[in-house]
């Protein structure tokens, strides 16, 4: 899906029929964000404060709700209105006959709540938005005997129930309950803008672009502050005439991720996930009854950035995922590999585990499954919020993992790249092939200079380069094959005198050791690489050397340089096969998936 491709993310909201957009926040200089209030919130000695919020193009609906409030609580009731801009909505004027708490527009519903309440609140607060139709009797019932945040049970214009927000899967976007609400039904939070709460429970609302998450987080925080719960109450006819759209940005994702340790409170034994919501790709859930719960044989989806078809067949991600999938299958798991266009599937509700092998693409987690993230490349593209959306996060760079853990507050566990010893082993060595006894590099030009190759050319190494794009860069005497099979790559690594390796700068700085290093060592070969942070801490073997300068590279590529014997190379290969195989990595991932699955199903 293009929404999740690198540098091709959508910024606008997807709008369903009958919904209004909730897109990016307003950015005009005269629209302000109100994040709270200065000092303590004034406590007013009045029975009820009725607070009317209105989107900036619905001012004509304000008199209706003001009249309902005065009919419900008397002509002198404390009632005030605040206007907010959402999705750059048009802006109506301020009728002086209406009780505006602020004659100016604010940025989003959260800001409207904070701006309206800043002047103080009575012993009970009632909030209602102009997207809701509610009469005096329902308002009185909503305000009666309020000891906790309470939402009126709502019906939409087409008769669907809206009975509060339920967390049916820890860490997932809450489900807006579509069942008829029983009396005093306890929920995670209010997700409709017709709510009451006692004066002592009032806290600032978060300023988020998604209305439902704003209300849910605000009322859940209010309940926590008052050491109570949130409930829904049937108070009479309450109709939501306009459904809000959904926009989920990084701030919304962080709020939802903070609910990961809360127990589920929804109906059903499982969930299904909807389509990703723009612009940040979080997916809503709905509860379902699962017909099966498998304890040992789990269904895995391994997500990679490679495109489908021949265009992506040569990507390293494909080989990596294929060999990892085979290792998981040897552990009794069912595995499918999903390339870029299958990051979201119609049937992915059946996946028990989603494993994102993070390269170029950010992939939306699947809230119907366990979600594991394994960052193997391009770490600078991975944000803290992305880390917080996964149940467990791993990184092939220990240095970056430690820094990301400290920065994000999420434990990021080191998990190095790996090799497949059934492909890469000393038995593939050839003493007579074209690569035998030469300096070899296997890889594309990437459309840029590769300093390790440039350096080898400059020192006059007996170089042979395999891969696409080099014919326009190197003289014919240095060219190998434009493409090699996996078996041919293994033979080249085992047969060469030295294999060259390099890293993207962000990977080298983060300690991401290329899987080429593991492949060469497992094949019984010798590697000369550029510097990588912490390399000696994870791979201290005599068949791996770092070229830190041109002179150092020249010395390492000199045919007279003393490298370990074939027997010593075989010993290193055996160690790599034992400690750094895809089978070893698969065991770590399976343990993590089982532990997280147990948490989600508790």
Protein backbone atom coordinates (compact mmCIF):
# COMPACT_ATOMS: atom_id res chain seq x y z
CA UNK A 1 0.00 0.00 0.00
CA UNK A 2 1.43 3.37 -1.03
CA UNK A 3 0.39 4.91 2.28
CA UNK A 4 3.20 3.13 4.04
CA UNK A 5 6.01 3.49 1.52
CA UNK A 6 8.99 5.57 2.34
CA UNK A 7 8.53 9.22 1.37
CA UNK A 8 5.04 8.48 0.09
CA UNK A 9 2.89 8.84 3.21
CA UNK A 10 -0.53 10.40 2.94
CA UNK A 11 -1.30 13.50 5.02
CA UNK A 12 -5.04 13.86 4.50
CA UNK A 13 -7.90 12.04 6.14
CA UNK A 14 -9.91 9.27 4.48
CA UNK A 15 -13.55 10.25 4.77
CA UNK A 16 -16.38 7.71 4.70
CA UNK A 17 -19.88 8.58 3.49
CA UNK A 18 -21.77 10.37 6.26
CA UNK A 19 -18.61 11.40 8.09
CA UNK A 20 -16.85 14.69 8.44
CA UNK A 21 -13.08 14.84 8.11
CA UNK A 22 -10.77 15.11 11.08
CA UNK A 23 -7.53 15.92 9.33
CA UNK A 24 -4.43 17.89 10.18
CA UNK A 25 -4.74 20.53 12.89
CA UNK A 26 -5.37 24.09 11.83
CA UNK A 27 -2.24 26.13 11.34
CA UNK A 28 -3.49 29.71 10.99
CA UNK A 29 -1.89 32.13 13.40
CA UNK A 30 -5.27 33.20 14.83
CA UNK A 31 -6.17 29.63 15.82
CA UNK A 32 -4.53 28.69 19.11
CA UNK A 33 -3.90 25.44 20.90
CA UNK A 34 -4.97 25.43 24.53
CA UNK A 35 -3.25 22.67 26.49
CA UNK A 36 -4.65 23.43 29.96
CA UNK A 37 -5.00 26.37 32.29
CA UNK A 38 -2.78 28.46 34.54
CA UNK A 39 -2.78 27.44 38.19
CA UNK A 40 -5.67 25.60 39.83
CA UNK A 41 -8.98 25.30 38.03
CA UNK A 42 -11.49 27.59 39.79
CA UNK A 43 -14.27 25.72 41.61
CA UNK A 44 -17.55 27.61 41.18
CA UNK A 45 -20.34 27.44 43.73
CA UNK A 46 -22.97 26.58 41.13
CA UNK A 47 -24.76 23.25 40.68
CA UNK A 48 -24.03 22.71 37.00
CA UNK A 49 -21.76 24.10 34.27
CA UNK A 50 -22.97 23.22 30.78
CA UNK A 51 -20.25 23.53 28.21
CA UNK A 52 -21.16 23.54 24.50
CA UNK A 53 -18.42 22.77 21.98
CA UNK A 54 -18.96 23.46 18.32
CA UNK A 55 -16.96 23.02 15.19
CA UNK A 56 -16.26 26.39 13.64
CA UNK A 57 -18.77 25.90 10.80
CA UNK A 58 -21.67 24.79 13.04
CA UNK A 59 -22.34 27.97 15.06
CA UNK A 60 -25.98 27.90 13.93
CA UNK A 61 -26.47 24.83 16.17
CA UNK A 62 -25.30 26.57 19.35
CA UNK A 63 -28.65 28.27 20.22
CA UNK A 64 -30.39 24.87 20.17
CA UNK A 65 -28.14 23.44 22.86
CA UNK A 66 -28.05 26.64 24.90
CA UNK A 67 -31.86 26.62 24.98
CA UNK A 68 -31.89 22.94 26.00
CA UNK A 69 -29.48 23.69 28.86
CA UNK A 70 -31.59 26.59 30.12
CA UNK A 71 -34.76 24.50 29.87
CA UNK A 72 -33.03 21.72 31.83
CA UNK A 73 -31.36 23.74 34.60
CA UNK A 74 -32.97 27.17 34.61
CA UNK A 75 -32.48 30.44 32.78
CA UNK A 76 -29.51 31.45 34.94
CA UNK A 77 -27.55 28.21 34.38
CA UNK A 78 -23.80 28.59 33.80
CA UNK A 79 -23.66 27.74 30.10
CA UNK A 80 -20.84 28.71 27.74
CA UNK A 81 -19.74 27.80 24.22
CA UNK A 82 -16.36 27.46 22.54
CA UNK A 83 -15.64 27.05 18.84
CA UNK A 84 -12.87 24.85 17.44
CA UNK A 85 -11.34 24.40 14.00
CA UNK A 86 -10.93 20.85 12.69
CA UNK A 87 -9.59 19.93 9.27
CA UNK A 88 -9.37 23.62 8.34
CA UNK A 89 -13.14 23.91 8.69
CA UNK A 90 -14.79 27.20 7.61
CA UNK A 91 -15.31 29.72 10.39
CA UNK A 92 -18.67 31.24 11.26
CA UNK A 93 -19.06 34.53 13.08
CA UNK A 94 -19.80 34.83 16.80
CA UNK A 95 -23.45 35.76 17.47
CA UNK A 96 -23.28 38.20 20.43
CA UNK A 97 -26.57 36.82 21.74
CA UNK A 98 -24.88 33.49 22.57
CA UNK A 99 -22.84 32.86 25.76
CA UNK A 100 -19.40 32.46 24.18
CA UNK A 101 -16.76 31.52 26.68
CA UNK A 102 -14.17 32.66 24.14
CA UNK A 103 -14.67 34.83 21.07
CA UNK A 104 -12.09 33.17 18.94
CA UNK A 105 -11.43 29.77 17.43
CA UNK A 106 -9.14 27.17 18.99
CA UNK A 107 -7.34 24.19 17.49
CA UNK A 108 -9.38 21.03 17.87
CA UNK A 109 -11.78 19.57 20.41
CA UNK A 110 -9.16 19.12 23.15
CA UNK A 111 -8.29 22.81 23.01
CA UNK A 112 -12.01 23.68 23.09
CA UNK A 113 -12.52 21.64 26.26
CA UNK A 114 -9.56 23.27 27.97
CA UNK A 115 -10.47 26.79 26.86
CA UNK A 116 -14.07 26.41 27.96
CA UNK A 117 -13.26 25.00 31.39
CA UNK A 118 -10.43 27.42 32.21
CA UNK A 119 -12.80 29.98 33.75
CA UNK A 120 -13.90 27.41 36.34
CA UNK A 121 -16.60 24.78 36.70
CA UNK A 122 -19.56 24.10 38.89
CA UNK A 123 -20.10 21.05 41.07
CA UNK A 124 -21.09 19.06 37.97
CA UNK A 125 -19.82 19.58 34.43
CA UNK A 126 -21.89 18.63 31.38
CA UNK A 127 -20.22 18.76 27.96
CA UNK A 128 -22.20 18.45 24.76
CA UNK A 129 -21.19 19.11 21.16
CA UNK A 130 -23.31 20.59 18.40
CA UNK A 131 -23.00 17.29 16.50
CA UNK A 132 -25.37 15.82 19.11
CA UNK A 133 -29.14 16.23 19.47
CA UNK A 134 -30.19 16.07 23.12
CA UNK A 135 -33.20 17.43 24.99
CA UNK A 136 -33.62 18.99 28.46
CA UNK A 137 -34.77 15.74 30.08
CA UNK A 138 -31.70 13.83 28.89
CA UNK A 139 -29.39 16.63 30.04
CA UNK A 140 -30.97 16.58 33.51
CA UNK A 141 -30.60 12.80 33.70
CA UNK A 142 -26.98 13.00 32.57
CA UNK A 143 -26.21 15.56 35.29
CA UNK A 144 -28.11 13.78 38.06
CA UNK A 145 -26.08 12.18 40.86
CA UNK A 146 -22.76 12.31 39.00
CA UNK A 147 -19.89 10.71 40.90
CA UNK A 148 -17.64 9.78 37.95
CA UNK A 149 -17.15 10.59 34.24
CA UNK A 150 -20.34 9.45 32.52
CA UNK A 151 -21.35 9.28 28.88
CA UNK A 152 -24.91 9.30 27.68
CA UNK A 153 -25.75 6.24 25.59
CA UNK A 154 -25.91 7.54 22.03
CA UNK A 155 -27.50 6.42 18.80
CA UNK A 156 -26.30 7.58 15.42
CA UNK A 157 -28.71 8.93 12.82
CA UNK A 158 -29.00 5.43 11.31
CA UNK A 159 -29.71 3.81 14.69
CA UNK A 160 -26.29 2.37 15.61
CA UNK A 161 -25.42 2.40 19.32
CA UNK A 162 -22.42 4.30 20.63
CA UNK A 163 -21.93 3.08 24.18
CA UNK A 164 -18.44 4.20 25.15
CA UNK A 165 -14.92 3.07 24.29
CA UNK A 166 -13.77 -0.43 25.14
CA UNK A 167 -10.19 -1.64 25.09
CA UNK A 168 -10.76 -5.02 23.50
CA UNK A 169 -7.04 -5.57 22.88
CA UNK A 170 -4.32 -3.96 25.03
CA UNK A 171 -2.51 -1.25 23.10
CA UNK A 172 -5.06 -1.14 20.25
CA UNK A 173 -7.31 1.75 19.27
CA UNK A 174 -10.41 1.35 21.46
CA UNK A 175 -13.57 0.01 19.92
CA UNK A 176 -16.64 2.23 20.01
CA UNK A 177 -19.11 -0.19 21.55
CA UNK A 178 -22.08 -0.70 19.22
CA UNK A 179 -24.19 -2.66 21.70
CA UNK A 180 -27.03 -1.18 23.70
CA UNK A 181 -25.48 0.03 26.95
CA UNK A 182 -26.82 -1.57 30.13
CA UNK A 183 -27.36 0.77 33.10
CA UNK A 184 -24.08 2.07 34.55
CA UNK A 185 -21.92 0.04 32.17
CA UNK A 186 -18.21 0.50 32.94
CA UNK A 187 -15.98 1.35 29.94
CA UNK A 188 -12.43 2.50 29.30
CA UNK A 189 -13.57 6.00 28.44
CA UNK A 190 -16.13 8.26 26.84
CA UNK A 191 -15.88 8.45 23.06
CA UNK A 192 -18.94 10.61 22.32
CA UNK A 193 -19.15 14.34 23.16
CA UNK A 194 -22.09 14.15 25.53
CA UNK A 195 -20.56 13.60 28.95
CA UNK A 196 -20.78 14.68 32.57
CA UNK A 197 -18.31 14.50 35.45
CA UNK A 198 -17.96 15.82 38.99
CA UNK A 199 -15.98 18.97 39.62
CA UNK A 200 -13.21 17.07 41.41
CA UNK A 201 -12.53 14.81 38.42
CA UNK A 202 -11.86 17.56 35.86
CA UNK A 203 -8.39 17.43 34.28
CA UNK A 204 -6.99 19.03 31.10
CA UNK A 205 -7.87 17.29 27.85
CA UNK A 206 -5.14 16.14 25.45
CA UNK A 207 -4.85 18.08 22.20
CA UNK A 208 -5.12 15.31 19.63
CA UNK A 209 -6.49 15.37 16.07
CA UNK A 210 -8.67 12.31 16.66
CA UNK A 211 -11.87 13.21 18.51
CA UNK A 212 -12.59 9.75 19.89
CA UNK A 213 -9.12 9.30 21.30
CA UNK A 214 -9.23 12.82 22.76
CA UNK A 215 -12.46 12.08 24.63
CA UNK A 216 -11.38 8.58 25.68
CA UNK A 217 -8.02 9.76 27.01
CA UNK A 218 -9.54 12.79 28.76
CA UNK A 219 -12.23 10.85 30.59
CA UNK A 220 -9.94 7.91 31.39
CA UNK A 221 -7.45 10.36 32.91
CA UNK A 222 -10.24 12.09 34.82
CA UNK A 223 -11.41 8.77 36.26
CA UNK A 224 -7.86 7.86 37.26
CA UNK A 225 -7.41 11.23 38.98
CA UNK A 226 -10.65 10.70 40.91
CA UNK A 227 -9.79 7.03 41.60
CA UNK A 228 -12.95 5.81 39.97
CA UNK A 229 -14.15 4.41 36.63
CA UNK A 230 -15.94 5.67 33.53
CA UNK A 231 -19.49 4.58 32.80
CA UNK A 232 -22.23 4.99 30.21
CA UNK A 233 -25.81 5.71 31.19
CA UNK A 234 -29.09 5.52 29.27
CA UNK A 235 -30.61 8.98 29.80
CA UNK A 236 -33.18 9.19 27.02
CA UNK A 237 -33.03 10.04 23.33
CA UNK A 238 -29.54 11.22 22.37
CA UNK A 239 -28.64 11.20 18.66
CA UNK A 240 -25.27 11.84 17.03
CA UNK A 241 -26.13 13.57 13.77
CA UNK A 242 -22.56 13.82 12.40
CA UNK A 243 -19.97 11.08 12.91
CA UNK A 244 -16.39 12.30 13.23
CA UNK A 245 -13.74 11.03 10.88
CA UNK A 246 -10.55 9.52 12.26
CA UNK A 247 -7.05 10.92 12.04
CA UNK A 248 -4.31 9.12 13.93
CA UNK A 249 -1.00 10.96 14.23
CA UNK A 250 2.07 10.09 16.29
CA UNK A 251 0.63 11.73 19.42
CA UNK A 252 -2.52 9.60 19.18
CA UNK A 253 -0.43 6.47 18.71
CA UNK A 254 1.62 7.30 21.81
CA UNK A 255 -1.55 7.73 23.90
CA UNK A 256 -2.95 4.42 22.69
CA UNK A 257 0.39 2.67 23.25
CA UNK A 258 0.34 3.85 26.87
CA UNK A 259 -2.72 1.65 27.38
CA UNK A 260 -0.80 -1.51 26.45
CA UNK A 261 -0.59 -2.73 30.05
CA UNK A 262 -4.28 -2.22 30.77
CA UNK A 263 -6.33 -5.44 30.76
CA UNK A 264 -8.83 -5.90 27.97
CA UNK A 265 -12.42 -5.00 28.83
CA UNK A 266 -14.21 -5.84 25.60
CA UNK A 267 -16.53 -8.60 24.48
CA UNK A 268 -15.43 -11.61 22.47
CA UNK A 269 -12.30 -13.75 22.55
CA UNK A 270 -10.44 -11.93 19.79
CA UNK A 271 -10.42 -8.97 17.46
CA UNK A 272 -10.33 -8.19 13.76
CA UNK A 273 -8.48 -5.15 12.44
CA UNK A 274 -9.78 -2.51 10.08
CA UNK A 275 -7.90 -0.54 7.46
CA UNK A 276 -5.10 1.77 8.63
CA UNK A 277 -6.15 5.29 9.54
CA UNK A 278 -4.24 8.24 8.09
CA UNK A 279 -1.71 9.62 8.42
CA UNK A 280 0.07 7.39 10.92
CA UNK A 281 -1.44 4.03 10.03
CA UNK A 282 -2.87 2.75 13.32
CA UNK A 283 -5.73 0.30 12.77
CA UNK A 284 -9.06 0.15 14.64
CA UNK A 285 -10.38 -3.14 15.95
CA UNK A 286 -13.72 -4.89 16.39
CA UNK A 287 -14.32 -7.88 18.69
CA UNK A 288 -14.99 -11.34 17.32
CA UNK A 289 -15.40 -14.81 18.77
CA UNK A 290 -12.42 -16.97 17.88
CA UNK A 291 -13.14 -20.54 16.88
CA UNK A 292 -9.56 -21.61 17.56
CA UNK A 293 -6.77 -20.66 19.93
CA UNK A 294 -3.54 -22.42 19.02
CA UNK A 295 -0.94 -22.68 21.72
CA UNK A 296 2.12 -23.92 19.85
CA UNK A 297 1.67 -23.80 16.07
CA UNK A 298 1.27 -20.11 15.37
CA UNK A 299 0.54 -18.39 12.08
CA UNK A 300 3.23 -15.81 11.24
CA UNK A 301 3.26 -12.97 8.73
CA UNK A 302 6.75 -11.64 8.01
CA UNK A 303 6.50 -8.16 6.50
CA UNK A 304 9.31 -6.84 4.29
CA UNK A 305 9.83 -3.74 2.15
CA UNK A 306 10.60 -5.50 -1.14
CA UNK A 307 7.98 -4.99 -3.86
CA UNK A 308 6.17 -7.93 -5.36
CA UNK A 309 7.31 -9.62 -8.55
CA UNK A 310 10.64 -9.59 -10.37
CA UNK A 311 11.36 -6.01 -9.26
CA UNK A 312 11.74 -7.18 -5.68
CA UNK A 313 13.06 -10.71 -6.18
CA UNK A 314 16.68 -9.64 -5.93
CA UNK A 315 16.29 -7.59 -2.75
CA UNK A 316 18.30 -8.75 0.23
CA UNK A 317 15.12 -8.48 2.32
CA UNK A 318 13.62 -11.34 0.31
CA UNK A 319 16.53 -13.70 1.01
CA UNK A 320 16.58 -12.64 4.66
CA UNK A 321 12.85 -13.27 5.11
CA UNK A 322 12.90 -16.56 3.20
CA UNK A 323 15.69 -17.99 5.33
CA UNK A 324 14.09 -16.72 8.53
CA UNK A 325 10.74 -18.22 7.51
CA UNK A 326 12.40 -21.60 6.91
CA UNK A 327 13.94 -21.44 10.38
CA UNK A 328 10.57 -20.67 11.99
CA UNK A 329 8.97 -23.51 10.07
CA UNK A 330 11.63 -25.86 11.45
CA UNK A 331 10.30 -24.81 14.86
CA UNK A 332 6.80 -25.94 13.89
CA UNK A 333 5.40 -22.54 12.85
CA UNK A 334 3.29 -21.58 9.83
CA UNK A 335 4.90 -18.65 8.00
CA UNK A 336 4.06 -16.45 5.05
CA UNK A 337 6.19 -13.57 3.75
CA UNK A 338 4.27 -10.41 2.84
CA UNK A 339 5.97 -7.94 0.55
CA UNK A 340 5.14 -4.24 0.35
CA UNK A 341 1.77 -4.54 -1.37
CA UNK A 342 0.53 -7.10 1.17
CA UNK A 343 1.42 -5.24 4.35
CA UNK A 344 -2.32 -5.05 5.03
CA UNK A 345 -4.47 -7.98 3.87
CA UNK A 346 -8.16 -8.77 4.04
CA UNK A 347 -7.43 -12.03 5.88
CA UNK A 348 -4.72 -10.83 8.26
CA UNK A 349 -7.09 -11.21 11.21
CA UNK A 350 -6.02 -14.86 11.14
CA UNK A 351 -2.36 -13.99 11.77
CA UNK A 352 -1.19 -14.87 15.26
CA UNK A 353 2.11 -13.01 14.89
CA UNK A 354 3.09 -10.07 12.70
CA UNK A 355 6.86 -9.72 12.39
CA UNK A 356 8.02 -6.53 10.66
CA UNK A 357 11.56 -6.87 9.34
CA UNK A 358 12.13 -3.12 9.23
CA UNK A 359 14.01 -1.83 6.26
CA UNK A 360 12.81 1.02 4.06
CA UNK A 361 9.11 0.87 4.94
CA UNK A 362 7.16 1.65 8.07
CA UNK A 363 4.48 -1.04 8.39
CA UNK A 364 1.29 -0.58 10.45
CA UNK A 365 1.01 -3.09 13.29
CA UNK A 366 -1.86 -5.55 13.11
CA UNK A 367 -3.81 -5.19 16.38
CA UNK A 368 -5.41 -8.61 15.82
CA UNK A 369 -2.02 -10.28 16.39
CA UNK A 370 1.18 -10.11 18.37
CA UNK A 371 3.38 -7.44 16.77
CA UNK A 372 7.17 -7.82 16.71
CA UNK A 373 9.56 -5.30 15.15
CA UNK A 374 13.08 -6.25 14.03
CA UNK A 375 15.03 -3.24 12.78
CA UNK A 376 17.75 -4.53 10.47
CA UNK A 377 18.57 -1.43 8.40
CA UNK A 378 17.95 2.30 7.95
CA UNK A 379 17.60 2.94 11.69
CA UNK A 380 17.44 6.72 11.22
CA UNK A 381 13.99 6.25 9.67
CA UNK A 382 12.59 4.57 12.80
CA UNK A 383 10.88 6.97 15.20
CA UNK A 384 10.28 6.53 18.90
CA UNK A 385 6.54 6.44 18.27
CA UNK A 386 6.98 3.59 15.81
CA UNK A 387 8.88 1.62 18.46
CA UNK A 388 6.06 2.21 20.94
CA UNK A 389 3.45 0.69 18.62
CA UNK A 390 4.94 -2.81 18.80
CA UNK A 391 4.60 -5.40 21.52
CA UNK A 392 8.34 -6.14 21.37
CA UNK A 393 11.13 -4.37 19.49
CA UNK A 394 14.48 -5.79 18.41
CA UNK A 395 17.37 -4.18 16.53
CA UNK A 396 20.37 -5.64 14.72
CA UNK A 397 22.51 -2.77 16.04
CA UNK A 398 23.28 -3.05 19.77
CA UNK A 399 24.54 0.54 19.96
CA UNK A 400 21.40 1.91 18.36
CA UNK A 401 19.21 -0.41 20.47
CA UNK A 402 20.67 1.01 23.70
CA UNK A 403 20.29 4.60 22.49
CA UNK A 404 16.74 4.02 21.24
CA UNK A 405 15.74 2.36 24.51
CA UNK A 406 17.00 5.30 26.55
CA UNK A 407 15.40 7.83 24.22
CA UNK A 408 11.99 6.22 23.67
CA UNK A 409 11.37 4.51 26.99
CA UNK A 410 10.79 1.25 25.09
CA UNK A 411 13.07 -1.74 25.69
CA UNK A 412 14.75 -2.39 22.33
CA UNK A 413 16.53 -5.72 22.50
CA UNK A 414 19.69 -6.41 20.47
CA UNK A 415 19.17 -9.14 17.88
CA UNK A 416 21.94 -9.31 15.29
CA UNK A 417 21.46 -10.23 11.67
CA UNK A 418 22.10 -13.85 10.78
CA UNK A 419 23.11 -16.41 8.18
CA UNK A 420 21.85 -19.70 6.80
CA UNK A 421 24.58 -22.35 7.30
CA UNK A 422 22.83 -24.68 4.86
CA UNK A 423 23.71 -22.17 2.13
CA UNK A 424 26.90 -20.59 3.49
CA UNK A 425 29.46 -23.17 4.59
CA UNK A 426 33.12 -24.01 3.81
CA UNK A 427 32.09 -26.86 1.52
CA UNK A 428 31.25 -24.35 -1.21
CA UNK A 429 34.90 -23.31 -1.61
CA UNK A 430 36.44 -23.71 -5.07
CA UNK A 431 40.17 -23.57 -5.70
CA UNK A 432 39.79 -23.12 -9.45
CA UNK A 433 36.84 -20.75 -9.94
CA UNK A 434 37.16 -17.20 -11.25
CA UNK A 435 36.93 -15.79 -7.71
CA UNK A 436 39.52 -18.11 -6.17
CA UNK A 437 42.31 -16.20 -4.46
CA UNK A 438 40.97 -12.74 -5.42
CA UNK A 439 39.44 -9.78 -3.60
CA UNK A 440 35.68 -10.03 -4.18
CA UNK A 441 32.75 -7.70 -3.70
CA UNK A 442 29.11 -8.74 -4.22
CA UNK A 443 26.47 -6.02 -4.33
CA UNK A 444 24.92 -3.25 -6.41
CA UNK A 445 26.25 0.27 -6.85
CA UNK A 446 23.18 1.59 -4.93
CA UNK A 447 23.46 4.53 -7.30
CA UNK A 448 26.22 6.08 -5.22
CA UNK A 449 29.87 5.65 -4.39
CA UNK A 450 30.77 2.64 -2.29
CA UNK A 451 33.98 3.70 -0.55
CA UNK A 452 35.22 0.17 0.16
CA UNK A 453 35.18 -0.61 -3.59
CA UNK A 454 36.66 2.76 -4.53
CA UNK A 455 39.40 2.20 -1.97
CA UNK A 456 40.21 -1.28 -3.28
CA UNK A 457 40.51 0.08 -6.81
CA UNK A 458 42.77 2.91 -5.66
CA UNK A 459 45.23 0.54 -3.96
CA UNK A 460 45.40 -1.71 -7.03
CA UNK A 461 43.75 -4.76 -5.49
CA UNK A 462 43.13 -7.82 -7.68
CA UNK A 463 39.43 -7.02 -7.49
CA UNK A 464 36.41 -8.82 -8.95
CA UNK A 465 33.01 -7.14 -8.48
CA UNK A 466 29.66 -8.89 -8.93
CA UNK A 467 26.34 -7.09 -9.11
CA UNK A 468 24.26 -4.67 -11.19
CA UNK A 469 25.36 -1.22 -12.25
CA UNK A 470 29.13 -1.66 -12.15
CA UNK A 471 29.70 -1.76 -15.93
CA UNK A 472 29.30 2.02 -16.03
CA UNK A 473 31.69 2.51 -13.11
CA UNK A 474 34.55 0.00 -13.32
CA UNK A 475 36.85 -1.18 -16.10
CA UNK A 476 35.87 -4.51 -17.71
CA UNK A 477 38.84 -6.33 -16.13
CA UNK A 478 37.29 -5.88 -12.68
CA UNK A 479 33.75 -6.94 -13.57
CA UNK A 480 32.27 -10.23 -12.50
CA UNK A 481 28.64 -11.26 -13.07
CA UNK A 482 25.73 -8.76 -12.99
CA UNK A 483 23.74 -11.27 -10.92
CA UNK A 484 24.53 -14.38 -8.88
CA UNK A 485 22.35 -17.10 -7.47
CA UNK A 486 22.42 -17.67 -3.73
CA UNK A 487 24.64 -20.75 -4.22
CA UNK A 488 27.00 -18.77 -6.43
CA UNK A 489 27.27 -16.03 -3.81
CA UNK A 490 28.20 -18.64 -1.22
CA UNK A 491 30.87 -20.08 -3.52
CA UNK A 492 32.30 -16.62 -4.18
CA UNK A 493 32.54 -15.88 -0.46
CA UNK A 494 34.20 -19.20 0.32
CA UNK A 495 36.64 -19.06 -2.59
CA UNK A 496 37.84 -15.45 -2.41
CA UNK A 497 41.03 -14.49 -0.66
CA UNK A 498 39.18 -11.51 0.88
CA UNK A 499 35.55 -10.40 0.64
CA UNK A 500 34.85 -6.67 0.94
CA UNK A 501 31.94 -5.29 2.97
CA UNK A 502 30.56 -1.85 3.78
CA UNK A 503 27.64 -0.23 5.60
CA UNK A 504 25.31 2.73 5.28
CA UNK A 505 26.58 5.48 7.64
CA UNK A 506 23.59 5.27 9.99
CA UNK A 507 23.96 1.49 10.23
CA UNK A 508 27.68 1.71 10.97
CA UNK A 509 27.06 4.33 13.67
CA UNK A 510 24.33 2.18 15.26
CA UNK A 511 26.35 -1.03 15.26
CA UNK A 512 24.29 -2.78 12.56
CA UNK A 513 26.61 -5.49 11.27
CA UNK A 514 25.70 -6.41 7.71
CA UNK A 515 24.38 -9.93 7.18
CA UNK A 516 27.06 -10.21 4.47
CA UNK A 517 29.60 -10.41 7.30
CA UNK A 518 27.83 -13.40 8.82
CA UNK A 519 27.41 -15.06 5.42
CA UNK A 520 31.12 -14.74 4.57
CA UNK A 521 32.28 -15.99 7.96
CA UNK A 522 29.86 -18.92 7.84
CA UNK A 523 31.21 -19.79 4.39
CA UNK A 524 34.70 -20.01 5.83
CA UNK A 525 35.77 -16.79 4.15
CA UNK A 526 37.63 -13.68 5.24
CA UNK A 527 35.97 -10.24 5.50
CA UNK A 528 37.45 -6.75 5.37
CA UNK A 529 34.87 -4.15 6.35
CA UNK A 530 34.55 -0.48 7.18
CA UNK A 531 34.33 0.52 10.88
CA UNK A 532 31.13 -0.36 12.74
CA UNK A 533 30.34 0.76 16.28
CA UNK A 534 30.85 -2.06 18.77
CA UNK A 535 31.92 -4.58 16.14
CA UNK A 536 34.62 -6.14 18.32
CA UNK A 537 32.09 -6.72 21.10
CA UNK A 538 29.87 -8.92 18.94
CA UNK A 539 32.32 -10.52 16.48
CA UNK A 540 35.86 -11.01 17.74
CA UNK A 541 37.17 -13.50 15.18
CA UNK A 542 40.50 -13.65 13.27
CA UNK A 543 38.78 -13.83 9.88
CA UNK A 544 37.25 -10.37 10.22
CA UNK A 545 39.30 -7.16 9.92
CA UNK A 546 38.45 -3.46 9.83
CA UNK A 547 40.04 -1.10 7.32
CA UNK A 548 40.26 2.27 9.04
CA UNK A 549 42.38 4.04 6.41
CA UNK A 550 43.59 3.72 2.83
CA UNK A 551 46.95 2.41 4.02
CA UNK A 552 45.25 -0.06 6.31
CA UNK A 553 43.07 -1.29 3.45
CA UNK A 554 46.13 -1.68 1.22
CA UNK A 555 47.87 -3.80 3.85
CA UNK A 556 44.83 -6.05 4.37
CA UNK A 557 44.36 -6.59 0.63
CA UNK A 558 48.03 -7.32 -0.04
CA UNK A 559 48.33 -10.95 -1.22
CA UNK A 560 51.15 -11.35 1.31
CA UNK A 561 48.91 -10.50 4.26
CA UNK A 562 48.81 -13.51 6.66
CA UNK A 563 45.23 -14.73 7.13
CA UNK A 564 44.19 -17.76 9.21
CA UNK A 565 44.53 -21.20 7.72
CA UNK A 566 41.65 -23.10 6.10
CA UNK A 567 41.21 -25.14 9.30
CA UNK A 568 41.02 -21.98 11.42
CA UNK A 569 38.49 -20.48 8.99
CA UNK A 570 36.41 -23.65 9.30
CA UNK A 571 36.46 -23.33 13.10
CA UNK A 572 35.17 -19.77 12.85
CA UNK A 573 32.51 -20.91 10.40
CA UNK A 574 31.29 -23.53 12.87
CA UNK A 575 31.03 -20.90 15.64
CA UNK A 576 29.07 -18.57 13.37
CA UNK A 577 26.74 -21.40 12.33
CA UNK A 578 26.04 -22.25 15.96
CA UNK A 579 25.62 -18.72 17.36
CA UNK A 580 24.41 -16.60 14.44
CA UNK A 581 22.11 -18.78 12.37
CA UNK A 582 18.54 -17.93 11.49
CA UNK A 583 17.56 -20.91 13.64
CA UNK A 584 19.07 -19.15 16.68
CA UNK A 585 17.25 -15.91 15.85
CA UNK A 586 13.97 -17.71 15.21
CA UNK A 587 14.12 -19.24 18.68
CA UNK A 588 14.39 -15.78 20.26
CA UNK A 589 11.49 -14.45 18.21
CA UNK A 590 9.28 -17.46 18.98
CA UNK A 591 9.85 -17.08 22.72
CA UNK A 592 8.92 -13.39 22.48
CA UNK A 593 5.79 -14.13 20.45
CA UNK A 594 4.56 -16.73 22.91
CA UNK A 595 5.14 -14.43 25.88
CA UNK A 596 3.28 -11.53 24.24
CA UNK A 597 0.47 -13.79 23.07
CA UNK A 598 -0.06 -14.94 26.64
CA UNK A 599 -0.31 -11.29 27.71
CA UNK A 600 -2.83 -10.40 25.03
CA UNK A 601 -5.05 -13.39 25.79
CA UNK A 602 -5.10 -12.97 29.55
